[in-house]
Amino acid sequence: MDEQIELLRKILDTLTLIAEPQIAQRDEKLRNALLEIVGKGQLKIRAASLMDGNRTQSIIAKEAGIDAGGLSRLIKALRDKGLINSDDKPPKMTIPLSPNFWAELEKQNGR
């Protein structure tokens, strides 16, 4: 069973990578809002990257190295822009982000 789940995750990752240009076009407005909120701060980038619905805010804060207040403000700003659903307790992005999303964004913006 675990092998099947792992295989399905690999298939999903591959399909997401292949579909990335179409996803980016569809989600351009939300991605721009994400970039505006997160900015260039590495702590916020790490925290946003961890918002997959599997981690609580306290775990995200610890793993990202961001303080709890900063994380709460980040999550509020993301919710206000519709990037996280209001009912998501472990925060989860409403748009899919490929594993290399932030690196590609940096490359595009010359960071």
PDB file of N, CA and C in Angstrom:
ATOM      1  N   MET A   1       0.828  -1.197   0.000  1.00  0.00           N
ATOM      2  CA  MET A   1       0.000   0.000   0.000  1.00  0.00           C
ATOM      3  C   MET A   1       0.870   1.257   0.000  1.00  0.00           C
ATOM      4  N   ASP A   2       1.906   1.282   0.853  1.00  0.00           N
ATOM      5  CA  ASP A   2       2.790   2.446   0.911  1.00  0.00           C
ATOM      6  C   ASP A   2       3.513   2.655  -0.417  1.00  0.00           C
ATOM      7  N   GLU A   3       3.882   1.563  -1.071  1.00  0.00           N
ATOM      8  CA  GLU A   3       4.551   1.658  -2.363  1.00  0.00           C
ATOM      9  C   GLU A   3       3.626   2.277  -3.409  1.00  0.00           C
ATOM     10  N   GLN A   4       2.350   1.924  -3.367  1.00  0.00           N
ATOM     11  CA  GLN A   4       1.380   2.470  -4.312  1.00  0.00           C
ATOM     12  C   GLN A   4       1.179   3.959  -4.079  1.00  0.00           C
ATOM     13  N   ILE A   5       1.104   4.353  -2.833  1.00  0.00           N
ATOM     14  CA  ILE A   5       0.940   5.771  -2.511  1.00  0.00           C
ATOM     15  C   ILE A   5       2.153   6.557  -2.971  1.00  0.00           C
ATOM     16  N   GLU A   6       3.329   6.025  -2.728  1.00  0.00           N
ATOM     17  CA  GLU A   6       4.559   6.689  -3.162  1.00  0.00           C
ATOM     18  C   GLU A   6       4.610   6.812  -4.681  1.00  0.00           C
ATOM     19  N   LEU A   7       4.196   5.759  -5.378  1.00  0.00           N
ATOM     20  CA  LEU A   7       4.156   5.791  -6.835  1.00  0.00           C
ATOM     21  C   LEU A   7       3.175   6.857  -7.322  1.00  0.00           C
ATOM     22  N   LEU A   8       2.010   6.931  -6.700  1.00  0.00           N
ATOM     23  CA  LEU A   8       1.030   7.953  -7.073  1.00  0.00           C
ATOM     24  C   LEU A   8       1.569   9.357  -6.825  1.00  0.00           C
ATOM     25  N   ARG A   9       2.295   9.551  -5.740  1.00  0.00           N
ATOM     26  CA  ARG A   9       2.906  10.872  -5.469  1.00  0.00           C
ATOM     27  C   ARG A   9       3.918  11.231  -6.544  1.00  0.00           C
ATOM     28  N   LYS A  10       4.719  10.265  -6.968  1.00  0.00           N
ATOM     29  CA  LYS A  10       5.699  10.513  -8.025  1.00  0.00           C
ATOM     30  C   LYS A  10       5.008  10.860  -9.337  1.00  0.00           C
ATOM     31  N   ILE A  11       3.930  10.159  -9.638  1.00  0.00           N
ATOM     32  CA  ILE A  11       3.167  10.448 -10.855  1.00  0.00           C
ATOM     33  C   ILE A  11       2.581  11.856 -10.786  1.00  0.00           C
ATOM     34  N   LEU A  12       2.010  12.226  -9.644  1.00  0.00           N
ATOM     35  CA  LEU A  12       1.452  13.562  -9.475  1.00  0.00           C
ATOM     36  C   LEU A  12       2.537  14.627  -9.613  1.00  0.00           C
ATOM     37  N   ASP A  13       3.690  14.413  -9.015  1.00  0.00           N
ATOM     38  CA  ASP A  13       4.794  15.371  -9.136  1.00  0.00           C
ATOM     39  C   ASP A  13       5.215  15.542 -10.590  1.00  0.00           C
ATOM     40  N   THR A  14       5.288  14.431 -11.322  1.00  0.00           N
ATOM     41  CA  THR A  14       5.670  14.485 -12.729  1.00  0.00           C
ATOM     42  C   THR A  14       4.628  15.227 -13.561  1.00  0.00           C
ATOM     43  N   LEU A  15       3.367  14.930 -13.343  1.00  0.00           N
ATOM     44  CA  LEU A  15       2.300  15.614 -14.080  1.00  0.00           C
ATOM     45  C   LEU A  15       2.273  17.104 -13.762  1.00  0.00           C
ATOM     46  N   THR A  16       2.500  17.446 -12.494  1.00  0.00           N
ATOM     47  CA  THR A  16       2.532  18.853 -12.093  1.00  0.00           C
ATOM     48  C   THR A  16       3.673  19.574 -12.798  1.00  0.00           C
ATOM     49  N   LEU A  17       4.817  18.939 -12.875  1.00  0.00           N
ATOM     50  CA  LEU A  17       5.975  19.528 -13.553  1.00  0.00           C
ATOM     51  C   LEU A  17       5.687  19.749 -15.038  1.00  0.00           C
ATOM     52  N   ILE A  18       5.062  18.770 -15.680  1.00  0.00           N
ATOM     53  CA  ILE A  18       4.737  18.876 -17.095  1.00  0.00           C
ATOM     54  C   ILE A  18       3.700  19.978 -17.337  1.00  0.00           C
ATOM     55  N   ALA A  19       2.737  20.100 -16.442  1.00  0.00           N
ATOM     56  CA  ALA A  19       1.643  21.063 -16.610  1.00  0.00           C
ATOM     57  C   ALA A  19       1.980  22.451 -16.073  1.00  0.00           C
ATOM     58  N   GLU A  20       3.171  22.627 -15.524  1.00  0.00           N
ATOM     59  CA  GLU A  20       3.536  23.892 -14.879  1.00  0.00           C
ATOM     60  C   GLU A  20       3.257  25.130 -15.733  1.00  0.00           C
ATOM     61  N   PRO A  21       3.598  25.177 -17.023  1.00  0.00           N
ATOM     62  CA  PRO A  21       3.302  26.394 -17.798  1.00  0.00           C
ATOM     63  C   PRO A  21       1.807  26.734 -17.851  1.00  0.00           C
ATOM     64  N   GLN A  22       0.960  25.733 -18.001  1.00  0.00           N
ATOM     65  CA  GLN A  22      -0.482  25.980 -18.040  1.00  0.00           C
ATOM     66  C   GLN A  22      -1.007  26.395 -16.671  1.00  0.00           C
ATOM     67  N   ILE A  23      -0.487  25.777 -15.629  1.00  0.00           N
ATOM     68  CA  ILE A  23      -0.893  26.134 -14.269  1.00  0.00           C
ATOM     69  C   ILE A  23      -0.480  27.565 -13.959  1.00  0.00           C
ATOM     70  N   ALA A  24       0.733  27.931 -14.345  1.00  0.00           N
ATOM     71  CA  ALA A  24       1.235  29.287 -14.099  1.00  0.00           C
ATOM     72  C   ALA A  24       0.358  30.331 -14.783  1.00  0.00           C
ATOM     73  N   GLN A  25      -0.042  30.049 -16.020  1.00  0.00           N
ATOM     74  CA  GLN A  25      -0.902  30.985 -16.741  1.00  0.00           C
ATOM     75  C   GLN A  25      -2.253  31.131 -16.050  1.00  0.00           C
ATOM     76  N   ARG A  26      -2.828  30.006 -15.648  1.00  0.00           N
ATOM     77  CA  ARG A  26      -4.135  30.020 -14.982  1.00  0.00           C
ATOM     78  C   ARG A  26      -4.083  30.765 -13.654  1.00  0.00           C
ATOM     79  N   ASP A  27      -3.004  30.582 -12.912  1.00  0.00           N
ATOM     80  CA  ASP A  27      -2.890  31.127 -11.563  1.00  0.00           C
ATOM     81  C   ASP A  27      -2.039  32.397 -11.475  1.00  0.00           C
ATOM     82  N   GLU A  28      -1.820  33.067 -12.588  1.00  0.00           N
ATOM     83  CA  GLU A  28      -0.914  34.216 -12.614  1.00  0.00           C
ATOM     84  C   GLU A  28      -1.280  35.289 -11.583  1.00  0.00           C
ATOM     85  N   LYS A  29      -2.537  35.651 -11.493  1.00  0.00           N
ATOM     86  CA  LYS A  29      -2.958  36.701 -10.552  1.00  0.00           C
ATOM     87  C   LYS A  29      -2.663  36.286  -9.107  1.00  0.00           C
ATOM     88  N   LEU A  30      -2.984  35.034  -8.761  1.00  0.00           N
ATOM     89  CA  LEU A  30      -2.729  34.561  -7.403  1.00  0.00           C
ATOM     90  C   LEU A  30      -1.236  34.445  -7.123  1.00  0.00           C
ATOM     91  N   ARG A  31      -0.467  34.017  -8.112  1.00  0.00           N
ATOM     92  CA  ARG A  31       0.984  33.919  -7.923  1.00  0.00           C
ATOM     93  C   ARG A  31       1.603  35.294  -7.733  1.00  0.00           C
ATOM     94  N   ASN A  32       1.102  36.294  -8.452  1.00  0.00           N
ATOM     95  CA  ASN A  32       1.594  37.654  -8.260  1.00  0.00           C
ATOM     96  C   ASN A  32       1.265  38.152  -6.852  1.00  0.00           C
ATOM     97  N   ALA A  33       0.068  37.832  -6.368  1.00  0.00           N
ATOM     98  CA  ALA A  33      -0.308  38.206  -5.002  1.00  0.00           C
ATOM     99  C   ALA A  33       0.598  37.500  -3.990  1.00  0.00           C
ATOM    100  N   LEU A  34       0.904  36.240  -4.247  1.00  0.00           N
ATOM    101  CA  LEU A  34       1.807  35.488  -3.370  1.00  0.00           C
ATOM    102  C   LEU A  34       3.175  36.148  -3.328  1.00  0.00           C
ATOM    103  N   LEU A  35       3.692  36.504  -4.477  1.00  0.00           N
ATOM    104  CA  LEU A  35       4.999  37.153  -4.546  1.00  0.00           C
ATOM    105  C   LEU A  35       4.982  38.491  -3.802  1.00  0.00           C
ATOM    106  N   GLU A  36       3.896  39.231  -3.957  1.00  0.00           N
ATOM    107  CA  GLU A  36       3.762  40.526  -3.277  1.00  0.00           C
ATOM    108  C   GLU A  36       3.772  40.350  -1.756  1.00  0.00           C
ATOM    109  N   ILE A  37       3.065  39.351  -1.266  1.00  0.00           N
ATOM    110  CA  ILE A  37       2.971  39.120   0.182  1.00  0.00           C
ATOM    111  C   ILE A  37       4.271  38.558   0.740  1.00  0.00           C
ATOM    112  N   VAL A  38       4.818  37.558   0.091  1.00  0.00           N
ATOM    113  CA  VAL A  38       6.002  36.877   0.608  1.00  0.00           C
ATOM    114  C   VAL A  38       7.262  37.693   0.369  1.00  0.00           C
ATOM    115  N   GLY A  39       7.337  38.349  -0.772  1.00  0.00           N
ATOM    116  CA  GLY A  39       8.507  39.153  -1.077  1.00  0.00           C
ATOM    117  C   GLY A  39       9.761  38.311  -1.224  1.00  0.00           C
ATOM    118  N   LYS A  40      10.891  38.880  -0.817  1.00  0.00           N
ATOM    119  CA  LYS A  40      12.183  38.213  -0.970  1.00  0.00           C
ATOM    120  C   LYS A  40      12.671  37.565   0.318  1.00  0.00           C
ATOM    121  N   GLY A  41      11.893  37.699   1.381  1.00  0.00           N
ATOM    122  CA  GLY A  41      12.323  37.168   2.670  1.00  0.00           C
ATOM    123  C   GLY A  41      12.383  35.649   2.683  1.00  0.00           C
ATOM    124  N   GLN A  42      13.562  35.126   2.967  1.00  0.00           N
ATOM    125  CA  GLN A  42      13.758  33.671   2.947  1.00  0.00           C
ATOM    126  C   GLN A  42      12.904  32.957   3.996  1.00  0.00           C
ATOM    127  N   LEU A  43      12.686  33.584   5.156  1.00  0.00           N
ATOM    128  CA  LEU A  43      11.864  32.945   6.188  1.00  0.00           C
ATOM    129  C   LEU A  43      10.422  32.795   5.710  1.00  0.00           C
ATOM    130  N   LYS A  44       9.901  33.846   5.071  1.00  0.00           N
ATOM    131  CA  LYS A  44       8.531  33.775   4.550  1.00  0.00           C
ATOM    132  C   LYS A  44       8.426  32.782   3.406  1.00  0.00           C
ATOM    133  N   ILE A  45       9.449  32.741   2.567  1.00  0.00           N
ATOM    134  CA  ILE A  45       9.453  31.782   1.457  1.00  0.00           C
ATOM    135  C   ILE A  45       9.436  30.365   2.004  1.00  0.00           C
ATOM    136  N   ARG A  46      10.298  30.093   2.989  1.00  0.00           N
ATOM    137  CA  ARG A  46      10.321  28.758   3.592  1.00  0.00           C
ATOM    138  C   ARG A  46       8.981  28.419   4.224  1.00  0.00           C
ATOM    139  N   ALA A  47       8.406  29.385   4.956  1.00  0.00           N
ATOM    140  CA  ALA A  47       7.116  29.143   5.624  1.00  0.00           C
ATOM    141  C   ALA A  47       6.025  28.856   4.588  1.00  0.00           C
ATOM    142  N   ALA A  48       5.950  29.672   3.538  1.00  0.00           N
ATOM    143  CA  ALA A  48       4.929  29.469   2.505  1.00  0.00           C
ATOM    144  C   ALA A  48       5.111  28.122   1.813  1.00  0.00           C
ATOM    145  N   SER A  49       6.350  27.715   1.615  1.00  0.00           N
ATOM    146  CA  SER A  49       6.637  26.429   0.969  1.00  0.00           C
ATOM    147  C   SER A  49       6.157  25.249   1.810  1.00  0.00           C
ATOM    148  N   LEU A  50       6.090  25.438   3.110  1.00  0.00           N
ATOM    149  CA  LEU A  50       5.680  24.364   4.017  1.00  0.00           C
ATOM    150  C   LEU A  50       4.166  24.278   4.200  1.00  0.00           C
ATOM    151  N   MET A  51       3.429  25.212   3.633  1.00  0.00           N
ATOM    152  CA  MET A  51       1.976  25.252   3.799  1.00  0.00           C
ATOM    153  C   MET A  51       1.300  24.298   2.816  1.00  0.00           C
ATOM    154  N   ASP A  52       1.372  23.005   3.150  1.00  0.00           N
ATOM    155  CA  ASP A  52       0.809  21.977   2.289  1.00  0.00           C
ATOM    156  C   ASP A  52      -0.373  21.260   2.941  1.00  0.00           C
ATOM    157  N   GLY A  53      -0.821  21.772   4.088  1.00  0.00           N
ATOM    158  CA  GLY A  53      -1.954  21.160   4.777  1.00  0.00           C
ATOM    159  C   GLY A  53      -1.571  20.034   5.714  1.00  0.00           C
ATOM    160  N   ASN A  54      -0.284  19.715   5.784  1.00  0.00           N
ATOM    161  CA  ASN A  54       0.180  18.622   6.634  1.00  0.00           C
ATOM    162  C   ASN A  54       0.871  19.096   7.908  1.00  0.00           C
ATOM    163  N   ARG A  55       1.097  20.393   8.029  1.00  0.00           N
ATOM    164  CA  ARG A  55       1.822  20.926   9.187  1.00  0.00           C
ATOM    165  C   ARG A  55       0.987  21.997   9.887  1.00  0.00           C
ATOM    166  N   THR A  56       1.026  21.986  11.199  1.00  0.00           N
ATOM    167  CA  THR A  56       0.360  23.036  11.972  1.00  0.00           C
ATOM    168  C   THR A  56       1.210  24.303  11.895  1.00  0.00           C
ATOM    169  N   GLN A  57       0.627  25.406  12.348  1.00  0.00           N
ATOM    170  CA  GLN A  57       1.367  26.666  12.352  1.00  0.00           C
ATOM    171  C   GLN A  57       2.620  26.566  13.210  1.00  0.00           C
ATOM    172  N   SER A  58       2.522  25.899  14.352  1.00  0.00           N
ATOM    173  CA  SER A  58       3.698  25.807  15.226  1.00  0.00           C
ATOM    174  C   SER A  58       4.813  24.999  14.570  1.00  0.00           C
ATOM    175  N   ILE A  59       4.462  23.954  13.839  1.00  0.00           N
ATOM    176  CA  ILE A  59       5.483  23.162  13.140  1.00  0.00           C
ATOM    177  C   ILE A  59       6.097  23.981  12.001  1.00  0.00           C
ATOM    178  N   ILE A  60       5.261  24.706  11.269  1.00  0.00           N
ATOM    179  CA  ILE A  60       5.772  25.553  10.179  1.00  0.00           C
ATOM    180  C   ILE A  60       6.733  26.584  10.743  1.00  0.00           C
ATOM    181  N   ALA A  61       6.350  27.232  11.841  1.00  0.00           N
ATOM    182  CA  ALA A  61       7.208  28.255  12.448  1.00  0.00           C
ATOM    183  C   ALA A  61       8.559  27.665  12.835  1.00  0.00           C
ATOM    184  N   LYS A  62       8.531  26.508  13.442  1.00  0.00           N
ATOM    185  CA  LYS A  62       9.773  25.860  13.882  1.00  0.00           C
ATOM    186  C   LYS A  62      10.640  25.462  12.681  1.00  0.00           C
ATOM    187  N   GLU A  63      10.041  24.801  11.689  1.00  0.00           N
ATOM    188  CA  GLU A  63      10.809  24.334  10.535  1.00  0.00           C
ATOM    189  C   GLU A  63      11.317  25.476   9.660  1.00  0.00           C
ATOM    190  N   ALA A  64      10.545  26.558   9.563  1.00  0.00           N
ATOM    191  CA  ALA A  64      10.947  27.692   8.721  1.00  0.00           C
ATOM    192  C   ALA A  64      11.851  28.668   9.458  1.00  0.00           C
ATOM    193  N   GLY A  65      11.836  28.601  10.780  1.00  0.00           N
ATOM    194  CA  GLY A  65      12.646  29.527  11.560  1.00  0.00           C
ATOM    195  C   GLY A  65      12.039  30.914  11.671  1.00  0.00           C
ATOM    196  N   ILE A  66      10.730  30.999  11.518  1.00  0.00           N
ATOM    197  CA  ILE A  66      10.020  32.271  11.596  1.00  0.00           C
ATOM    198  C   ILE A  66       9.295  32.342  12.941  1.00  0.00           C
ATOM    199  N   ASP A  67       9.191  33.546  13.500  1.00  0.00           N
ATOM    200  CA  ASP A  67       8.506  33.655  14.791  1.00  0.00           C
ATOM    201  C   ASP A  67       6.997  33.520  14.604  1.00  0.00           C
ATOM    202  N   ALA A  68       6.311  33.108  15.654  1.00  0.00           N
ATOM    203  CA  ALA A  68       4.874  32.809  15.585  1.00  0.00           C
ATOM    204  C   ALA A  68       4.060  34.016  15.146  1.00  0.00           C
ATOM    205  N   GLY A  69       4.404  35.198  15.613  1.00  0.00           N
ATOM    206  CA  GLY A  69       3.674  36.406  15.226  1.00  0.00           C
ATOM    207  C   GLY A  69       3.824  36.707  13.746  1.00  0.00           C
ATOM    208  N   GLY A  70       5.054  36.584  13.249  1.00  0.00           N
ATOM    209  CA  GLY A  70       5.301  36.812  11.827  1.00  0.00           C
ATOM    210  C   GLY A  70       4.556  35.819  10.963  1.00  0.00           C
ATOM    211  N   LEU A  71       4.525  34.573  11.411  1.00  0.00           N
ATOM    212  CA  LEU A  71       3.802  33.541  10.663  1.00  0.00           C
ATOM    213  C   LEU A  71       2.304  33.826  10.677  1.00  0.00           C
ATOM    214  N   SER A  72       1.766  34.236  11.814  1.00  0.00           N
ATOM    215  CA  SER A  72       0.330  34.554  11.890  1.00  0.00           C
ATOM    216  C   SER A  72      -0.027  35.694  10.944  1.00  0.00           C
ATOM    217  N   ARG A  73       0.819  36.720  10.884  1.00  0.00           N
ATOM    218  CA  ARG A  73       0.571  37.842   9.963  1.00  0.00           C
ATOM    219  C   ARG A  73       0.647  37.379   8.506  1.00  0.00           C
ATOM    220  N   LEU A  74       1.612  36.517   8.218  1.00  0.00           N
ATOM    221  CA  LEU A  74       1.751  35.983   6.861  1.00  0.00           C
ATOM    222  C   LEU A  74       0.509  35.188   6.469  1.00  0.00           C
ATOM    223  N   ILE A  75       0.063  34.317   7.351  1.00  0.00           N
ATOM    224  CA  ILE A  75      -1.114  33.494   7.066  1.00  0.00           C
ATOM    225  C   ILE A  75      -2.351  34.370   6.887  1.00  0.00           C
ATOM    226  N   LYS A  76      -2.516  35.393   7.701  1.00  0.00           N
ATOM    227  CA  LYS A  76      -3.659  36.301   7.564  1.00  0.00           C
ATOM    228  C   LYS A  76      -3.632  36.992   6.197  1.00  0.00           C
ATOM    229  N   ALA A  77      -2.460  37.476   5.809  1.00  0.00           N
ATOM    230  CA  ALA A  77      -2.334  38.147   4.513  1.00  0.00           C
ATOM    231  C   ALA A  77      -2.639  37.177   3.365  1.00  0.00           C
ATOM    232  N   LEU A  78      -2.170  35.944   3.480  1.00  0.00           N
ATOM    233  CA  LEU A  78      -2.441  34.943   2.447  1.00  0.00           C
ATOM    234  C   LEU A  78      -3.933  34.605   2.392  1.00  0.00           C
ATOM    235  N   ARG A  79      -4.576  34.510   3.548  1.00  0.00           N
ATOM    236  CA  ARG A  79      -6.027  34.243   3.584  1.00  0.00           C
ATOM    237  C   ARG A  79      -6.806  35.387   2.964  1.00  0.00           C
ATOM    238  N   ASP A  80      -6.398  36.624   3.279  1.00  0.00           N
ATOM    239  CA  ASP A  80      -7.095  37.799   2.753  1.00  0.00           C
ATOM    240  C   ASP A  80      -7.066  37.846   1.223  1.00  0.00           C
ATOM    241  N   LYS A  81      -6.017  37.308   0.620  1.00  0.00           N
ATOM    242  CA  LYS A  81      -5.886  37.290  -0.844  1.00  0.00           C
ATOM    243  C   LYS A  81      -6.421  35.999  -1.471  1.00  0.00           C
ATOM    244  N   GLY A  82      -6.965  35.102  -0.646  1.00  0.00           N
ATOM    245  CA  GLY A  82      -7.526  33.860  -1.160  1.00  0.00           C
ATOM    246  C   GLY A  82      -6.494  32.794  -1.479  1.00  0.00           C
ATOM    247  N   LEU A  83      -5.301  32.946  -0.923  1.00  0.00           N
ATOM    248  CA  LEU A  83      -4.248  31.975  -1.180  1.00  0.00           C
ATOM    249  C   LEU A  83      -4.288  30.806  -0.207  1.00  0.00           C
ATOM    250  N   ILE A  84      -5.021  30.980   0.885  1.00  0.00           N
ATOM    251  CA  ILE A  84      -5.282  29.912   1.851  1.00  0.00           C
ATOM    252  C   ILE A  84      -6.756  30.009   2.190  1.00  0.00           C
ATOM    253  N   ASN A  85      -7.460  28.886   2.217  1.00  0.00           N
ATOM    254  CA  ASN A  85      -8.870  28.899   2.594  1.00  0.00           C
ATOM    255  C   ASN A  85      -9.008  29.254   4.061  1.00  0.00           C
ATOM    256  N   SER A  86     -10.071  29.942   4.400  1.00  0.00           N
ATOM    257  CA  SER A  86     -10.270  30.374   5.780  1.00  0.00           C
ATOM    258  C   SER A  86     -10.491  29.208   6.731  1.00  0.00           C
ATOM    259  N   ASP A  87     -10.941  28.079   6.219  1.00  0.00           N
ATOM    260  CA  ASP A  87     -11.205  26.940   7.092  1.00  0.00           C
ATOM    261  C   ASP A  87     -10.035  25.962   7.184  1.00  0.00           C
ATOM    262  N   ASP A  88      -8.927  26.264   6.528  1.00  0.00           N
ATOM    263  CA  ASP A  88      -7.754  25.396   6.589  1.00  0.00           C
ATOM    264  C   ASP A  88      -6.988  25.642   7.875  1.00  0.00           C
ATOM    265  N   LYS A  89      -7.103  24.723   8.830  1.00  0.00           N
ATOM    266  CA  LYS A  89      -6.372  24.867  10.087  1.00  0.00           C
ATOM    267  C   LYS A  89      -4.905  24.582   9.897  1.00  0.00           C
ATOM    268  N   PRO A  90      -4.523  23.389   9.431  1.00  0.00           N
ATOM    269  CA  PRO A  90      -3.140  23.383   8.982  1.00  0.00           C
ATOM    270  C   PRO A  90      -3.161  24.109   7.637  1.00  0.00           C
ATOM    271  N   PRO A  91      -2.486  25.251   7.529  1.00  0.00           N
ATOM    272  CA  PRO A  91      -2.599  26.057   6.305  1.00  0.00           C
ATOM    273  C   PRO A  91      -2.168  25.296   5.055  1.00  0.00           C
ATOM    274  N   LYS A  92      -2.943  25.500   3.979  1.00  0.00           N
ATOM    275  CA  LYS A  92      -2.652  24.857   2.702  1.00  0.00           C
ATOM    276  C   LYS A  92      -2.927  25.856   1.582  1.00  0.00           C
ATOM    277  N   MET A  93      -1.966  26.005   0.702  1.00  0.00           N
ATOM    278  CA  MET A  93      -2.121  26.922  -0.426  1.00  0.00           C
ATOM    279  C   MET A  93      -3.275  26.473  -1.317  1.00  0.00           C
ATOM    280  N   THR A  94      -4.010  27.445  -1.848  1.00  0.00           N
ATOM    281  CA  THR A  94      -5.116  27.130  -2.747  1.00  0.00           C
ATOM    282  C   THR A  94      -4.635  26.931  -4.175  1.00  0.00           C
ATOM    283  N   ILE A  95      -3.404  27.334  -4.456  1.00  0.00           N
ATOM    284  CA  ILE A  95      -2.846  27.119  -5.784  1.00  0.00           C
ATOM    285  C   ILE A  95      -1.699  26.120  -5.675  1.00  0.00           C
ATOM    286  N   PRO A  96      -1.547  25.275  -6.670  1.00  0.00           N
ATOM    287  CA  PRO A  96      -0.442  24.317  -6.621  1.00  0.00           C
ATOM    288  C   PRO A  96       0.873  25.017  -6.935  1.00  0.00           C
ATOM    289  N   LEU A  97       1.890  24.674  -6.176  1.00  0.00           N
ATOM    290  CA  LEU A  97       3.223  25.213  -6.418  1.00  0.00           C
ATOM    291  C   LEU A  97       4.156  24.045  -6.695  1.00  0.00           C
ATOM    292  N   SER A  98       4.838  24.107  -7.811  1.00  0.00           N
ATOM    293  CA  SER A  98       5.774  23.035  -8.142  1.00  0.00           C
ATOM    294  C   SER A  98       6.932  23.067  -7.150  1.00  0.00           C
ATOM    295  N   PRO A  99       7.629  21.953  -6.996  1.00  0.00           N
ATOM    296  CA  PRO A  99       8.751  21.921  -6.055  1.00  0.00           C
ATOM    297  C   PRO A  99       9.813  22.987  -6.334  1.00  0.00           C
ATOM    298  N   ASN A 100       9.965  23.389  -7.589  1.00  0.00           N
ATOM    299  CA  ASN A 100      10.977  24.390  -7.922  1.00  0.00           C
ATOM    300  C   ASN A 100      10.370  25.780  -8.163  1.00  0.00           C
ATOM    301  N   PHE A 101       9.175  26.019  -7.650  1.00  0.00           N
ATOM    302  CA  PHE A 101       8.471  27.285  -7.871  1.00  0.00           C
ATOM    303  C   PHE A 101       9.314  28.492  -7.478  1.00  0.00           C
ATOM    304  N   TRP A 102       9.857  28.490  -6.272  1.00  0.00           N
ATOM    305  CA  TRP A 102      10.601  29.660  -5.787  1.00  0.00           C
ATOM    306  C   TRP A 102      11.897  29.866  -6.556  1.00  0.00           C
ATOM    307  N   ALA A 103      12.579  28.787  -6.907  1.00  0.00           N
ATOM    308  CA  ALA A 103      13.824  28.908  -7.672  1.00  0.00           C
ATOM    309  C   ALA A 103      13.542  29.487  -9.059  1.00  0.00           C
ATOM    310  N   GLU A 104      12.480  29.008  -9.700  1.00  0.00           N
ATOM    311  CA  GLU A 104      12.110  29.529 -11.018  1.00  0.00           C
ATOM    312  C   GLU A 104      11.704  31.002 -10.927  1.00  0.00           C
ATOM    313  N   LEU A 105      11.007  31.365  -9.871  1.00  0.00           N
ATOM    314  CA  LEU A 105      10.589  32.742  -9.667  1.00  0.00           C
ATOM    315  C   LEU A 105      11.803  33.646  -9.511  1.00  0.00           C
ATOM    316  N   GLU A 106      12.766  33.193  -8.733  1.00  0.00           N
ATOM    317  CA  GLU A 106      14.001  33.969  -8.563  1.00  0.00           C
ATOM    318  C   GLU A 106      14.725  34.139  -9.896  1.00  0.00           C
ATOM    319  N   LYS A 107      14.769  33.068 -10.685  1.00  0.00           N
ATOM    320  CA  LYS A 107      15.445  33.128 -11.983  1.00  0.00           C
ATOM    321  C   LYS A 107      14.743  34.127 -12.908  1.00  0.00           C
ATOM    322  N   GLN A 108      13.398  34.104 -12.927  1.00  0.00           N
ATOM    323  CA  GLN A 108      12.630  35.010 -13.773  1.00  0.00           C
ATOM    324  C   GLN A 108      12.805  36.461 -13.361  1.00  0.00           C
ATOM    325  N   ASN A 109      12.895  36.703 -12.044  1.00  0.00           N
ATOM    326  CA  ASN A 109      12.973  38.065 -11.542  1.00  0.00           C
ATOM    327  C   ASN A 109      14.404  38.518 -11.297  1.00  0.00           C
ATOM    328  N   GLY A 110      15.360  37.707 -11.688  1.00  0.00           N
ATOM    329  CA  GLY A 110      16.767  38.079 -11.557  1.00  0.00           C
ATOM    330  C   GLY A 110      17.232  38.257 -10.134  1.00  0.00           C
ATOM    331  N   ARG A 111      16.687  37.459  -9.221  1.00  0.00           N
ATOM    332  CA  ARG A 111      17.094  37.567  -7.809  1.00  0.00           C
ATOM    333  C   ARG A 111      18.277  36.697  -7.540  1.00  0.00           C
TER     334      ARG A 111
END
